[in-house]
Amino acid sequence: MQIQNDKYFFPLNYKFSAKFLGIIEYKTLLPIAIIAGIVIFFLYTFKVDFFIGFGIVLFVTIPGILVLSIGINGQPAIPYFNSLIKFSIRKKIYIYK
């Protein structure tokens, strides 16, 4: 019987991010929760039927969950939007060698 000593090497730029239920990262969960909370508050204020309100909440939050969890062009969505906002404020392009 031979014992195997497997070694696994992780690259230095590997980042482990904790996920809610193993699906959604916590940093993307906060904006989605805020949007869903606002929608639920308005639906509760206007006394919308539960099933219609549930459908509206799903219709509003599912696209946001998909965009924030999948990303844009292979980049995570939140840093992408942060860089867009910073560029629109400063409008400078930096070239690094």
Protein backbone atom coordinates (compact mmCIF):
# COMPACT_ATOMS: atom_id res chain seq x y z
CA MET A 1 0.00 0.00 0.00
CA GLN A 2 1.48 3.26 -1.13
CA ILE A 3 0.68 6.62 0.48
CA GLN A 4 0.41 9.49 -1.93
CA ASN A 5 1.58 12.89 -0.87
CA ASP A 6 -0.24 15.18 -3.24
CA LYS A 7 0.83 18.78 -3.23
CA TYR A 8 -1.31 21.53 -4.64
CA PHE A 9 0.11 24.86 -5.61
CA PHE A 10 -2.09 27.93 -5.79
CA PRO A 11 -0.98 31.01 -7.71
CA LEU A 12 -0.21 34.13 -5.72
CA ASN A 13 -3.02 36.08 -7.35
CA TYR A 14 -5.64 33.48 -6.38
CA LYS A 15 -8.38 35.08 -4.32
CA PHE A 16 -10.85 33.06 -2.32
CA SER A 17 -14.14 34.83 -1.79
CA ALA A 18 -16.79 33.54 0.55
CA LYS A 19 -20.19 33.05 -1.03
CA PHE A 20 -23.72 33.03 0.33
CA LEU A 21 -25.10 29.50 -0.12
CA GLY A 22 -22.08 28.83 -2.34
CA ILE A 23 -23.58 30.86 -5.19
CA ILE A 24 -23.59 34.63 -4.60
CA GLU A 25 -20.62 36.58 -3.26
CA TYR A 26 -21.33 38.67 -0.20
CA LYS A 27 -20.22 41.91 -1.85
CA THR A 28 -22.84 41.38 -4.57
CA LEU A 29 -25.48 40.27 -2.09
CA LEU A 30 -25.65 43.69 -0.40
CA PRO A 31 -26.75 45.72 -3.47
CA ILE A 32 -29.28 43.05 -4.44
CA ALA A 33 -30.67 42.97 -0.89
CA ILE A 34 -31.01 46.77 -0.87
CA ILE A 35 -32.84 46.80 -4.22
CA ALA A 36 -35.12 43.94 -3.17
CA GLY A 37 -35.82 45.68 0.15
CA ILE A 38 -36.84 48.89 -1.59
CA VAL A 39 -39.13 47.01 -3.99
CA ILE A 40 -40.70 45.03 -1.13
CA PHE A 41 -41.24 48.23 0.84
CA PHE A 42 -43.11 49.86 -2.06
CA LEU A 43 -45.15 46.73 -2.73
CA TYR A 44 -46.10 46.55 0.95
CA THR A 45 -47.01 50.24 0.96
CA PHE A 46 -49.30 49.84 -2.06
CA LYS A 47 -50.76 46.57 -0.65
CA VAL A 48 -50.05 44.46 -3.72
CA ASP A 49 -51.17 40.81 -3.68
CA PHE A 50 -48.47 38.42 -2.40
CA PHE A 51 -48.07 36.35 -5.57
CA ILE A 52 -48.02 39.36 -7.87
CA GLY A 53 -45.51 41.06 -5.55
CA PHE A 54 -43.36 37.93 -5.45
CA GLY A 55 -43.27 37.89 -9.25
CA ILE A 56 -42.34 41.57 -9.36
CA VAL A 57 -39.52 41.08 -6.84
CA LEU A 58 -38.15 38.16 -8.86
CA PHE A 59 -38.47 40.13 -12.11
CA VAL A 60 -36.49 43.03 -10.63
CA THR A 61 -33.80 41.12 -8.72
CA ILE A 62 -32.95 38.13 -10.96
CA PRO A 63 -31.29 40.21 -13.75
CA GLY A 64 -29.24 42.06 -11.13
CA ILE A 65 -28.15 38.81 -9.53
CA LEU A 66 -27.09 37.43 -12.90
CA VAL A 67 -25.15 40.53 -13.93
CA LEU A 68 -23.42 40.91 -10.58
CA SER A 69 -22.55 37.24 -10.15
CA ILE A 70 -21.48 36.43 -13.74
CA GLY A 71 -19.79 39.73 -14.50
CA ILE A 72 -19.20 41.73 -17.65
CA ASN A 73 -16.74 40.45 -20.27
CA GLY A 74 -15.20 38.06 -17.76
CA GLN A 75 -14.58 40.83 -15.22
CA PRO A 76 -16.40 40.98 -11.89
CA ALA A 77 -19.23 43.50 -12.18
CA ILE A 78 -18.65 45.62 -9.05
CA PRO A 79 -14.99 46.51 -9.80
CA TYR A 80 -16.03 47.13 -13.42
CA PHE A 81 -18.68 49.65 -12.36
CA ASN A 82 -16.28 51.22 -9.85
CA SER A 83 -13.70 51.79 -12.58
CA LEU A 84 -16.37 53.28 -14.87
CA ILE A 85 -17.45 55.72 -12.16
CA LYS A 86 -13.86 56.68 -11.32
CA PHE A 87 -13.07 57.23 -14.99
CA SER A 88 -16.14 59.39 -15.52
CA ILE A 89 -15.10 61.56 -12.57
CA ARG A 90 -11.38 61.92 -13.41
CA LYS A 91 -11.30 61.28 -17.20
CA LYS A 92 -7.61 60.42 -17.18
CA ILE A 93 -6.01 57.43 -18.81
CA TYR A 94 -2.96 55.90 -17.18
CA ILE A 95 -0.65 53.66 -19.16
CA TYR A 96 1.50 51.31 -17.16
CA LYS A 97 4.63 49.68 -18.55
